[in-house]
Amino acid sequence: MKRTFTLVEVIVAALILVIVFAGLLASFVVPRNYVKRVNKRLVAANLVRSNLNRLSQKVRQDQWDIAGEALYPGTHNVPDYTMDGIDYNSSYYQVLPPSGDQDYREVKITINYP
């Protein structure tokens, strides 16, 4: 008597193969999306670093109280930046005046990206 595969066995084998291939595909897609997200954060971090470097060059005590200067207390715009089709826009930094016995001004930078 000759033994052959039944339709149920073929369907079960095909289903197992689909599950295995779906798992392999997911193991490539998920890290790729993670790398994209990390690259966006890395660009944003570098933008923050470059803005802080630009601001650190403007630290002069004789200009701290001149309105319109980069380190005058208030909210200031950060130039828009586009890299690899991703817009890093509507970004700003805030300079907080010294409070209490502080001898320094706090700078908070916000970089917006999708």
PDB file of N, CA and C in Angstrom:
ATOM      1  N   MET A   1       0.837  -1.166   0.000  1.00  0.00           N
ATOM      2  CA  MET A   1       0.000   0.000   0.000  1.00  0.00           C
ATOM      3  C   MET A   1       0.890   1.240   0.000  1.00  0.00           C
ATOM      4  N   LYS A   2       0.571   2.145  -0.860  1.00  0.00           N
ATOM      5  CA  LYS A   2       1.349   3.358  -1.035  1.00  0.00           C
ATOM      6  C   LYS A   2       0.794   4.458  -0.136  1.00  0.00           C
ATOM      7  N   ARG A   3       1.686   5.090   0.657  1.00  0.00           N
ATOM      8  CA  ARG A   3       1.248   6.140   1.584  1.00  0.00           C
ATOM      9  C   ARG A   3       1.521   7.488   0.915  1.00  0.00           C
ATOM     10  N   THR A   4       0.535   8.398   0.885  1.00  0.00           N
ATOM     11  CA  THR A   4       0.675   9.745   0.306  1.00  0.00           C
ATOM     12  C   THR A   4       0.262  10.783   1.350  1.00  0.00           C
ATOM     13  N   PHE A   5       0.565  12.030   1.037  1.00  0.00           N
ATOM     14  CA  PHE A   5       0.171  13.115   1.933  1.00  0.00           C
ATOM     15  C   PHE A   5      -1.294  13.448   1.714  1.00  0.00           C
ATOM     16  N   THR A   6      -1.987  13.709   2.802  1.00  0.00           N
ATOM     17  CA  THR A   6      -3.388  14.123   2.682  1.00  0.00           C
ATOM     18  C   THR A   6      -3.430  15.642   2.545  1.00  0.00           C
ATOM     19  N   LEU A   7      -4.551  16.142   2.151  1.00  0.00           N
ATOM     20  CA  LEU A   7      -4.738  17.582   1.976  1.00  0.00           C
ATOM     21  C   LEU A   7      -4.533  18.309   3.310  1.00  0.00           C
ATOM     22  N   VAL A   8      -4.968  17.735   4.387  1.00  0.00           N
ATOM     23  CA  VAL A   8      -4.820  18.358   5.704  1.00  0.00           C
ATOM     24  C   VAL A   8      -3.338  18.487   6.063  1.00  0.00           C
ATOM     25  N   GLU A   9      -2.548  17.442   5.775  1.00  0.00           N
ATOM     26  CA  GLU A   9      -1.117  17.505   6.071  1.00  0.00           C
ATOM     27  C   GLU A   9      -0.423  18.588   5.238  1.00  0.00           C
ATOM     28  N   VAL A  10      -0.800  18.724   3.998  1.00  0.00           N
ATOM     29  CA  VAL A  10      -0.214  19.751   3.128  1.00  0.00           C
ATOM     30  C   VAL A  10      -0.573  21.144   3.641  1.00  0.00           C
ATOM     31  N   ILE A  11      -1.828  21.337   4.043  1.00  0.00           N
ATOM     32  CA  ILE A  11      -2.262  22.642   4.561  1.00  0.00           C
ATOM     33  C   ILE A  11      -1.530  22.972   5.867  1.00  0.00           C
ATOM     34  N   VAL A  12      -1.383  22.000   6.743  1.00  0.00           N
ATOM     35  CA  VAL A  12      -0.673  22.220   8.007  1.00  0.00           C
ATOM     36  C   VAL A  12       0.793  22.559   7.731  1.00  0.00           C
ATOM     37  N   ALA A  13       1.445  21.874   6.828  1.00  0.00           N
ATOM     38  CA  ALA A  13       2.844  22.154   6.489  1.00  0.00           C
ATOM     39  C   ALA A  13       2.983  23.556   5.892  1.00  0.00           C
ATOM     40  N   ALA A  14       2.050  23.931   5.019  1.00  0.00           N
ATOM     41  CA  ALA A  14       2.084  25.266   4.420  1.00  0.00           C
ATOM     42  C   ALA A  14       1.890  26.334   5.495  1.00  0.00           C
ATOM     43  N   LEU A  15       1.004  26.085   6.430  1.00  0.00           N
ATOM     44  CA  LEU A  15       0.759  27.026   7.522  1.00  0.00           C
ATOM     45  C   LEU A  15       2.004  27.192   8.395  1.00  0.00           C
ATOM     46  N   ILE A  16       2.684  26.105   8.684  1.00  0.00           N
ATOM     47  CA  ILE A  16       3.916  26.173   9.471  1.00  0.00           C
ATOM     48  C   ILE A  16       4.977  26.975   8.718  1.00  0.00           C
ATOM     49  N   LEU A  17       5.107  26.758   7.420  1.00  0.00           N
ATOM     50  CA  LEU A  17       6.066  27.519   6.621  1.00  0.00           C
ATOM     51  C   LEU A  17       5.727  29.007   6.610  1.00  0.00           C
ATOM     52  N   VAL A  18       4.454  29.346   6.489  1.00  0.00           N
ATOM     53  CA  VAL A  18       4.041  30.754   6.498  1.00  0.00           C
ATOM     54  C   VAL A  18       4.403  31.399   7.834  1.00  0.00           C
ATOM     55  N   ILE A  19       4.176  30.712   8.935  1.00  0.00           N
ATOM     56  CA  ILE A  19       4.502  31.253  10.263  1.00  0.00           C
ATOM     57  C   ILE A  19       6.004  31.463  10.399  1.00  0.00           C
ATOM     58  N   VAL A  20       6.790  30.508   9.926  1.00  0.00           N
ATOM     59  CA  VAL A  20       8.249  30.628  10.008  1.00  0.00           C
ATOM     60  C   VAL A  20       8.738  31.802   9.157  1.00  0.00           C
ATOM     61  N   PHE A  21       8.244  31.922   7.931  1.00  0.00           N
ATOM     62  CA  PHE A  21       8.673  33.020   7.067  1.00  0.00           C
ATOM     63  C   PHE A  21       8.199  34.367   7.586  1.00  0.00           C
ATOM     64  N   ALA A  22       7.026  34.438   8.189  1.00  0.00           N
ATOM     65  CA  ALA A  22       6.547  35.688   8.783  1.00  0.00           C
ATOM     66  C   ALA A  22       7.452  36.115   9.931  1.00  0.00           C
ATOM     67  N   GLY A  23       7.890  35.152  10.732  1.00  0.00           N
ATOM     68  CA  GLY A  23       8.818  35.463  11.820  1.00  0.00           C
ATOM     69  C   GLY A  23      10.148  35.958  11.302  1.00  0.00           C
ATOM     70  N   LEU A  24      10.648  35.336  10.234  1.00  0.00           N
ATOM     71  CA  LEU A  24      11.908  35.795   9.644  1.00  0.00           C
ATOM     72  C   LEU A  24      11.769  37.185   9.045  1.00  0.00           C
ATOM     73  N   LEU A  25      10.669  37.450   8.379  1.00  0.00           N
ATOM     74  CA  LEU A  25      10.439  38.770   7.802  1.00  0.00           C
ATOM     75  C   LEU A  25      10.353  39.827   8.901  1.00  0.00           C
ATOM     76  N   ALA A  26       9.669  39.523   9.984  1.00  0.00           N
ATOM     77  CA  ALA A  26       9.540  40.473  11.089  1.00  0.00           C
ATOM     78  C   ALA A  26      10.894  40.756  11.723  1.00  0.00           C
ATOM     79  N   SER A  27      11.770  39.771  11.734  1.00  0.00           N
ATOM     80  CA  SER A  27      13.092  39.983  12.330  1.00  0.00           C
ATOM     81  C   SER A  27      13.943  40.945  11.503  1.00  0.00           C
ATOM     82  N   PHE A  28      13.560  41.204  10.244  1.00  0.00           N
ATOM     83  CA  PHE A  28      14.260  42.185   9.429  1.00  0.00           C
ATOM     84  C   PHE A  28      13.553  43.532   9.431  1.00  0.00           C
ATOM     85  N   VAL A  29      12.235  43.538   9.504  1.00  0.00           N
ATOM     86  CA  VAL A  29      11.461  44.778   9.418  1.00  0.00           C
ATOM     87  C   VAL A  29      11.533  45.575  10.716  1.00  0.00           C
ATOM     88  N   VAL A  30      11.387  44.933  11.851  1.00  0.00           N
ATOM     89  CA  VAL A  30      11.367  45.632  13.140  1.00  0.00           C
ATOM     90  C   VAL A  30      12.690  46.353  13.409  1.00  0.00           C
ATOM     91  N   PRO A  31      13.846  45.717  13.239  1.00  0.00           N
ATOM     92  CA  PRO A  31      15.098  46.463  13.459  1.00  0.00           C
ATOM     93  C   PRO A  31      15.273  47.623  12.484  1.00  0.00           C
ATOM     94  N   ARG A  32      14.784  47.484  11.271  1.00  0.00           N
ATOM     95  CA  ARG A  32      14.901  48.561  10.289  1.00  0.00           C
ATOM     96  C   ARG A  32      14.123  49.790  10.748  1.00  0.00           C
ATOM     97  N   ASN A  33      12.904  49.571  11.263  1.00  0.00           N
ATOM     98  CA  ASN A  33      12.114  50.690  11.780  1.00  0.00           C
ATOM     99  C   ASN A  33      12.784  51.307  13.003  1.00  0.00           C
ATOM    100  N   TYR A  34      13.367  50.483  13.834  1.00  0.00           N
ATOM    101  CA  TYR A  34      14.069  50.975  15.019  1.00  0.00           C
ATOM    102  C   TYR A  34      15.262  51.833  14.618  1.00  0.00           C
ATOM    103  N   VAL A  35      16.011  51.401  13.610  1.00  0.00           N
ATOM    104  CA  VAL A  35      17.169  52.158  13.137  1.00  0.00           C
ATOM    105  C   VAL A  35      16.719  53.505  12.577  1.00  0.00           C
ATOM    106  N   LYS A  36      15.605  53.554  11.853  1.00  0.00           N
ATOM    107  CA  LYS A  36      15.086  54.821  11.335  1.00  0.00           C
ATOM    108  C   LYS A  36      14.769  55.774  12.476  1.00  0.00           C
ATOM    109  N   ARG A  37      14.114  55.262  13.505  1.00  0.00           N
ATOM    110  CA  ARG A  37      13.743  56.094  14.647  1.00  0.00           C
ATOM    111  C   ARG A  37      14.985  56.592  15.388  1.00  0.00           C
ATOM    112  N   VAL A  38      15.980  55.725  15.554  1.00  0.00           N
ATOM    113  CA  VAL A  38      17.212  56.116  16.239  1.00  0.00           C
ATOM    114  C   VAL A  38      17.973  57.158  15.422  1.00  0.00           C
ATOM    115  N   ASN A  39      17.974  57.035  14.103  1.00  0.00           N
ATOM    116  CA  ASN A  39      18.647  58.017  13.252  1.00  0.00           C
ATOM    117  C   ASN A  39      18.001  59.390  13.382  1.00  0.00           C
ATOM    118  N   LYS A  40      16.670  59.436  13.462  1.00  0.00           N
ATOM    119  CA  LYS A  40      15.983  60.719  13.652  1.00  0.00           C
ATOM    120  C   LYS A  40      16.392  61.351  14.974  1.00  0.00           C
ATOM    121  N   ARG A  41      16.447  60.548  16.023  1.00  0.00           N
ATOM    122  CA  ARG A  41      16.846  61.072  17.341  1.00  0.00           C
ATOM    123  C   ARG A  41      18.301  61.524  17.326  1.00  0.00           C
ATOM    124  N   LEU A  42      19.147  60.813  16.599  1.00  0.00           N
ATOM    125  CA  LEU A  42      20.554  61.182  16.519  1.00  0.00           C
ATOM    126  C   LEU A  42      20.730  62.521  15.815  1.00  0.00           C
ATOM    127  N   VAL A  43      19.996  62.731  14.726  1.00  0.00           N
ATOM    128  CA  VAL A  43      20.059  64.014  14.022  1.00  0.00           C
ATOM    129  C   VAL A  43      19.561  65.126  14.943  1.00  0.00           C
ATOM    130  N   ALA A  44      18.453  64.877  15.672  1.00  0.00           N
ATOM    131  CA  ALA A  44      17.931  65.884  16.599  1.00  0.00           C
ATOM    132  C   ALA A  44      18.952  66.197  17.693  1.00  0.00           C
ATOM    133  N   ALA A  45      19.615  65.185  18.226  1.00  0.00           N
ATOM    134  CA  ALA A  45      20.632  65.403  19.256  1.00  0.00           C
ATOM    135  C   ALA A  45      21.799  66.212  18.705  1.00  0.00           C
ATOM    136  N   ASN A  46      22.196  65.949  17.466  1.00  0.00           N
ATOM    137  CA  ASN A  46      23.276  66.714  16.852  1.00  0.00           C
ATOM    138  C   ASN A  46      22.858  68.159  16.601  1.00  0.00           C
ATOM    139  N   LEU A  47      21.577  68.376  16.257  1.00  0.00           N
ATOM    140  CA  LEU A  47      21.086  69.746  16.096  1.00  0.00           C
ATOM    141  C   LEU A  47      21.138  70.493  17.424  1.00  0.00           C
ATOM    142  N   VAL A  48      20.753  69.818  18.494  1.00  0.00           N
ATOM    143  CA  VAL A  48      20.828  70.437  19.821  1.00  0.00           C
ATOM    144  C   VAL A  48      22.272  70.782  20.150  1.00  0.00           C
ATOM    145  N   ARG A  49      23.174  69.855  19.896  1.00  0.00           N
ATOM    146  CA  ARG A  49      24.592  70.084  20.183  1.00  0.00           C
ATOM    147  C   ARG A  49      25.124  71.270  19.375  1.00  0.00           C
ATOM    148  N   SER A  50      24.779  71.353  18.091  1.00  0.00           N
ATOM    149  CA  SER A  50      25.277  72.461  17.273  1.00  0.00           C
ATOM    150  C   SER A  50      24.698  73.792  17.743  1.00  0.00           C
ATOM    151  N   ASN A  51      23.428  73.797  18.167  1.00  0.00           N
ATOM    152  CA  ASN A  51      22.840  75.032  18.682  1.00  0.00           C
ATOM    153  C   ASN A  51      23.481  75.443  19.998  1.00  0.00           C
ATOM    154  N   LEU A  52      23.776  74.476  20.862  1.00  0.00           N
ATOM    155  CA  LEU A  52      24.454  74.801  22.116  1.00  0.00           C
ATOM    156  C   LEU A  52      25.865  75.329  21.857  1.00  0.00           C
ATOM    157  N   ASN A  53      26.561  74.769  20.874  1.00  0.00           N
ATOM    158  CA  ASN A  53      27.889  75.273  20.520  1.00  0.00           C
ATOM    159  C   ASN A  53      27.799  76.711  20.017  1.00  0.00           C
ATOM    160  N   ARG A  54      26.782  76.975  19.194  1.00  0.00           N
ATOM    161  CA  ARG A  54      26.584  78.335  18.675  1.00  0.00           C
ATOM    162  C   ARG A  54      26.299  79.301  19.819  1.00  0.00           C
ATOM    163  N   LEU A  55      25.464  78.875  20.774  1.00  0.00           N
ATOM    164  CA  LEU A  55      25.130  79.735  21.907  1.00  0.00           C
ATOM    165  C   LEU A  55      26.316  79.923  22.848  1.00  0.00           C
ATOM    166  N   SER A  56      27.128  78.888  23.019  1.00  0.00           N
ATOM    167  CA  SER A  56      28.261  79.011  23.943  1.00  0.00           C
ATOM    168  C   SER A  56      29.268  80.039  23.449  1.00  0.00           C
ATOM    169  N   GLN A  57      29.328  80.258  22.142  1.00  0.00           N
ATOM    170  CA  GLN A  57      30.233  81.266  21.600  1.00  0.00           C
ATOM    171  C   GLN A  57      29.728  82.675  21.861  1.00  0.00           C
ATOM    172  N   LYS A  58      28.450  82.813  22.227  1.00  0.00           N
ATOM    173  CA  LYS A  58      27.860  84.124  22.467  1.00  0.00           C
ATOM    174  C   LYS A  58      27.778  84.473  23.943  1.00  0.00           C
ATOM    175  N   VAL A  59      28.366  83.659  24.792  1.00  0.00           N
ATOM    176  CA  VAL A  59      28.317  83.924  26.224  1.00  0.00           C
ATOM    177  C   VAL A  59      29.280  85.071  26.529  1.00  0.00           C
ATOM    178  N   ARG A  60      28.684  86.224  26.753  1.00  0.00           N
ATOM    179  CA  ARG A  60      29.435  87.411  27.141  1.00  0.00           C
ATOM    180  C   ARG A  60      28.593  88.158  28.152  1.00  0.00           C
ATOM    181  N   GLN A  61      29.127  88.381  29.305  1.00  0.00           N
ATOM    182  CA  GLN A  61      28.356  88.990  30.377  1.00  0.00           C
ATOM    183  C   GLN A  61      27.915  90.406  30.015  1.00  0.00           C
ATOM    184  N   ASP A  62      28.657  91.107  29.190  1.00  0.00           N
ATOM    185  CA  ASP A  62      28.278  92.475  28.855  1.00  0.00           C
ATOM    186  C   ASP A  62      27.077  92.532  27.907  1.00  0.00           C
ATOM    187  N   GLN A  63      26.661  91.389  27.338  1.00  0.00           N
ATOM    188  CA  GLN A  63      25.519  91.368  26.423  1.00  0.00           C
ATOM    189  C   GLN A  63      24.299  90.649  27.000  1.00  0.00           C
ATOM    190  N   TRP A  64      24.364  90.217  28.241  1.00  0.00           N
ATOM    191  CA  TRP A  64      23.288  89.406  28.783  1.00  0.00           C
ATOM    192  C   TRP A  64      21.973  90.147  28.898  1.00  0.00           C
ATOM    193  N   ASP A  65      22.010  91.423  29.122  1.00  0.00           N
ATOM    194  CA  ASP A  65      20.775  92.169  29.344  1.00  0.00           C
ATOM    195  C   ASP A  65      20.364  93.007  28.150  1.00  0.00           C
ATOM    196  N   ILE A  66      20.899  92.712  26.979  1.00  0.00           N
ATOM    197  CA  ILE A  66      20.525  93.426  25.762  1.00  0.00           C
ATOM    198  C   ILE A  66      19.435  92.629  25.059  1.00  0.00           C
ATOM    199  N   ALA A  67      18.261  93.249  24.908  1.00  0.00           N
ATOM    200  CA  ALA A  67      17.132  92.568  24.255  1.00  0.00           C
ATOM    201  C   ALA A  67      17.510  92.198  22.822  1.00  0.00           C
ATOM    202  N   GLY A  68      17.095  91.028  22.405  1.00  0.00           N
ATOM    203  CA  GLY A  68      17.366  90.566  21.049  1.00  0.00           C
ATOM    204  C   GLY A  68      18.627  89.730  20.935  1.00  0.00           C
ATOM    205  N   GLU A  69      19.450  89.724  21.964  1.00  0.00           N
ATOM    206  CA  GLU A  69      20.649  88.887  21.936  1.00  0.00           C
ATOM    207  C   GLU A  69      20.265  87.425  22.135  1.00  0.00           C
ATOM    208  N   ALA A  70      21.146  86.528  21.738  1.00  0.00           N
ATOM    209  CA  ALA A  70      20.853  85.087  21.751  1.00  0.00           C
ATOM    210  C   ALA A  70      20.586  84.544  23.146  1.00  0.00           C
ATOM    211  N   LEU A  71      21.192  85.126  24.170  1.00  0.00           N
ATOM    212  CA  LEU A  71      21.030  84.608  25.526  1.00  0.00           C
ATOM    213  C   LEU A  71      20.181  85.515  26.414  1.00  0.00           C
ATOM    214  N   TYR A  72      19.424  86.406  25.780  1.00  0.00           N
ATOM    215  CA  TYR A  72      18.482  87.239  26.542  1.00  0.00           C
ATOM    216  C   TYR A  72      17.306  86.353  26.958  1.00  0.00           C
ATOM    217  N   PRO A  73      16.836  86.461  28.212  1.00  0.00           N
ATOM    218  CA  PRO A  73      15.739  85.593  28.657  1.00  0.00           C
ATOM    219  C   PRO A  73      14.508  85.691  27.754  1.00  0.00           C
ATOM    220  N   GLY A  74      13.950  84.549  27.432  1.00  0.00           N
ATOM    221  CA  GLY A  74      12.770  84.469  26.574  1.00  0.00           C
ATOM    222  C   GLY A  74      12.855  83.277  25.640  1.00  0.00           C
ATOM    223  N   THR A  75      11.951  83.244  24.670  1.00  0.00           N
ATOM    224  CA  THR A  75      11.905  82.155  23.704  1.00  0.00           C
ATOM    225  C   THR A  75      12.482  82.635  22.378  1.00  0.00           C
ATOM    226  N   HIS A  76      13.374  81.841  21.810  1.00  0.00           N
ATOM    227  CA  HIS A  76      14.043  82.173  20.558  1.00  0.00           C
ATOM    228  C   HIS A  76      13.846  81.017  19.577  1.00  0.00           C
ATOM    229  N   ASN A  77      13.734  81.338  18.296  1.00  0.00           N
ATOM    230  CA  ASN A  77      13.550  80.305  17.270  1.00  0.00           C
ATOM    231  C   ASN A  77      14.884  79.679  16.888  1.00  0.00           C
ATOM    232  N   VAL A  78      14.811  78.389  16.548  1.00  0.00           N
ATOM    233  CA  VAL A  78      15.951  77.656  15.997  1.00  0.00           C
ATOM    234  C   VAL A  78      15.683  77.507  14.505  1.00  0.00           C
ATOM    235  N   PRO A  79      16.669  77.742  13.645  1.00  0.00           N
ATOM    236  CA  PRO A  79      16.431  77.599  12.203  1.00  0.00           C
ATOM    237  C   PRO A  79      15.926  76.196  11.842  1.00  0.00           C
ATOM    238  N   ASP A  80      15.014  76.144  10.867  1.00  0.00           N
ATOM    239  CA  ASP A  80      14.507  74.856  10.385  1.00  0.00           C
ATOM    240  C   ASP A  80      15.635  74.102   9.682  1.00  0.00           C
ATOM    241  N   TYR A  81      15.526  72.783   9.713  1.00  0.00           N
ATOM    242  CA  TYR A  81      16.560  71.931   9.133  1.00  0.00           C
ATOM    243  C   TYR A  81      15.878  70.731   8.503  1.00  0.00           C
ATOM    244  N   THR A  82      16.326  70.334   7.313  1.00  0.00           N
ATOM    245  CA  THR A  82      15.789  69.162   6.638  1.00  0.00           C
ATOM    246  C   THR A  82      16.943  68.231   6.282  1.00  0.00           C
ATOM    247  N   MET A  83      16.771  66.951   6.637  1.00  0.00           N
ATOM    248  CA  MET A  83      17.797  65.954   6.292  1.00  0.00           C
ATOM    249  C   MET A  83      17.109  64.665   5.884  1.00  0.00           C
ATOM    250  N   ASP A  84      17.483  64.131   4.746  1.00  0.00           N
ATOM    251  CA  ASP A  84      16.902  62.896   4.210  1.00  0.00           C
ATOM    252  C   ASP A  84      15.379  62.981   4.126  1.00  0.00           C
ATOM    253  N   GLY A  85      14.867  64.149   3.779  1.00  0.00           N
ATOM    254  CA  GLY A  85      13.426  64.326   3.623  1.00  0.00           C
ATOM    255  C   GLY A  85      12.667  64.471   4.931  1.00  0.00           C
ATOM    256  N   ILE A  86      13.368  64.567   6.055  1.00  0.00           N
ATOM    257  CA  ILE A  86      12.725  64.716   7.359  1.00  0.00           C
ATOM    258  C   ILE A  86      12.897  66.160   7.808  1.00  0.00           C
ATOM    259  N   ASP A  87      11.780  66.814   8.121  1.00  0.00           N
ATOM    260  CA  ASP A  87      11.810  68.206   8.551  1.00  0.00           C
ATOM    261  C   ASP A  87      11.925  68.295  10.062  1.00  0.00           C
ATOM    262  N   TYR A  88      12.928  68.999  10.515  1.00  0.00           N
ATOM    263  CA  TYR A  88      13.112  69.299  11.935  1.00  0.00           C
ATOM    264  C   TYR A  88      12.761  70.780  12.074  1.00  0.00           C
ATOM    265  N   ASN A  89      11.480  71.055  12.298  1.00  0.00           N
ATOM    266  CA  ASN A  89      11.035  72.437  12.281  1.00  0.00           C
ATOM    267  C   ASN A  89      10.230  72.786  13.529  1.00  0.00           C
ATOM    268  N   SER A  90       9.771  74.033  13.581  1.00  0.00           N
ATOM    269  CA  SER A  90       9.032  74.559  14.732  1.00  0.00           C
ATOM    270  C   SER A  90       9.831  74.345  16.010  1.00  0.00           C
ATOM    271  N   SER A  91      11.129  74.430  15.898  1.00  0.00           N
ATOM    272  CA  SER A  91      11.998  74.218  17.038  1.00  0.00           C
ATOM    273  C   SER A  91      12.337  75.561  17.672  1.00  0.00           C
ATOM    274  N   TYR A  92      12.635  75.529  18.949  1.00  0.00           N
ATOM    275  CA  TYR A  92      12.931  76.761  19.664  1.00  0.00           C
ATOM    276  C   TYR A  92      13.799  76.461  20.880  1.00  0.00           C
ATOM    277  N   TYR A  93      14.332  77.509  21.455  1.00  0.00           N
ATOM    278  CA  TYR A  93      15.016  77.356  22.728  1.00  0.00           C
ATOM    279  C   TYR A  93      14.568  78.471  23.660  1.00  0.00           C
ATOM    280  N   GLN A  94      14.565  78.150  24.923  1.00  0.00           N
ATOM    281  CA  GLN A  94      14.161  79.105  25.946  1.00  0.00           C
ATOM    282  C   GLN A  94      15.365  79.403  26.829  1.00  0.00           C
ATOM    283  N   VAL A  95      15.529  80.662  27.126  1.00  0.00           N
ATOM    284  CA  VAL A  95      16.558  81.075  28.073  1.00  0.00           C
ATOM    285  C   VAL A  95      15.836  81.547  29.322  1.00  0.00           C
ATOM    286  N   LEU A  96      16.096  80.869  30.425  1.00  0.00           N
ATOM    287  CA  LEU A  96      15.470  81.227  31.692  1.00  0.00           C
ATOM    288  C   LEU A  96      16.412  82.118  32.483  1.00  0.00           C
ATOM    289  N   PRO A  97      15.908  83.197  33.045  1.00  0.00           N
ATOM    290  CA  PRO A  97      16.777  84.098  33.805  1.00  0.00           C
ATOM    291  C   PRO A  97      17.252  83.435  35.089  1.00  0.00           C
ATOM    292  N   PRO A  98      18.353  83.926  35.629  1.00  0.00           N
ATOM    293  CA  PRO A  98      18.831  83.377  36.903  1.00  0.00           C
ATOM    294  C   PRO A  98      17.774  83.565  37.986  1.00  0.00           C
ATOM    295  N   SER A  99      17.617  82.570  38.821  1.00  0.00           N
ATOM    296  CA  SER A  99      16.647  82.692  39.903  1.00  0.00           C
ATOM    297  C   SER A  99      17.329  82.396  41.226  1.00  0.00           C
ATOM    298  N   GLY A 100      16.918  83.126  42.245  1.00  0.00           N
ATOM    299  CA  GLY A 100      17.498  82.904  43.566  1.00  0.00           C
ATOM    300  C   GLY A 100      18.970  83.265  43.591  1.00  0.00           C
ATOM    301  N   ASP A 101      19.769  82.350  44.097  1.00  0.00           N
ATOM    302  CA  ASP A 101      21.204  82.610  44.203  1.00  0.00           C
ATOM    303  C   ASP A 101      21.988  82.008  43.037  1.00  0.00           C
ATOM    304  N   GLN A 102      21.287  81.663  41.938  1.00  0.00           N
ATOM    305  CA  GLN A 102      21.963  81.098  40.770  1.00  0.00           C
ATOM    306  C   GLN A 102      22.833  82.161  40.110  1.00  0.00           C
ATOM    307  N   ASP A 103      23.912  81.712  39.524  1.00  0.00           N
ATOM    308  CA  ASP A 103      24.816  82.601  38.809  1.00  0.00           C
ATOM    309  C   ASP A 103      24.805  82.292  37.312  1.00  0.00           C
ATOM    310  N   TYR A 104      23.824  81.528  36.876  1.00  0.00           N
ATOM    311  CA  TYR A 104      23.806  81.087  35.490  1.00  0.00           C
ATOM    312  C   TYR A 104      22.394  81.168  34.932  1.00  0.00           C
ATOM    313  N   ARG A 105      22.298  81.084  33.615  1.00  0.00           N
ATOM    314  CA  ARG A 105      21.008  81.040  32.926  1.00  0.00           C
ATOM    315  C   ARG A 105      20.815  79.643  32.362  1.00  0.00           C
ATOM    316  N   GLU A 106      19.622  79.154  32.508  1.00  0.00           N
ATOM    317  CA  GLU A 106      19.298  77.817  32.007  1.00  0.00           C
ATOM    318  C   GLU A 106      18.769  77.930  30.587  1.00  0.00           C
ATOM    319  N   VAL A 107      19.224  77.035  29.702  1.00  0.00           N
ATOM    320  CA  VAL A 107      18.779  77.014  28.306  1.00  0.00           C
ATOM    321  C   VAL A 107      18.105  75.677  28.049  1.00  0.00           C
ATOM    322  N   LYS A 108      16.861  75.735  27.550  1.00  0.00           N
ATOM    323  CA  LYS A 108      16.124  74.522  27.177  1.00  0.00           C
ATOM    324  C   LYS A 108      15.877  74.574  25.674  1.00  0.00           C
ATOM    325  N   ILE A 109      16.319  73.526  24.979  1.00  0.00           N
ATOM    326  CA  ILE A 109      16.163  73.465  23.524  1.00  0.00           C
ATOM    327  C   ILE A 109      15.146  72.384  23.188  1.00  0.00           C
ATOM    328  N   THR A 110      14.192  72.719  22.313  1.00  0.00           N
ATOM    329  CA  THR A 110      13.194  71.768  21.848  1.00  0.00           C
ATOM    330  C   THR A 110      13.332  71.617  20.332  1.00  0.00           C
ATOM    331  N   ILE A 111      13.555  70.393  19.888  1.00  0.00           N
ATOM    332  CA  ILE A 111      13.649  70.085  18.459  1.00  0.00           C
ATOM    333  C   ILE A 111      12.449  69.184  18.122  1.00  0.00           C
ATOM    334  N   ASN A 112      11.621  69.626  17.193  1.00  0.00           N
ATOM    335  CA  ASN A 112      10.438  68.846  16.800  1.00  0.00           C
ATOM    336  C   ASN A 112      10.721  68.112  15.486  1.00  0.00           C
ATOM    337  N   TYR A 113      10.334  66.852  15.450  1.00  0.00           N
ATOM    338  CA  TYR A 113      10.471  66.033  14.251  1.00  0.00           C
ATOM    339  C   TYR A 113       9.402  64.946  14.275  1.00  0.00           C
ATOM    340  N   PRO A 114       9.050  64.421  13.099  1.00  0.00           N
ATOM    341  CA  PRO A 114       7.975  63.399  13.069  1.00  0.00           C
ATOM    342  C   PRO A 114       8.436  62.064  13.636  1.00  0.00           C
TER     343      PRO A 114
END
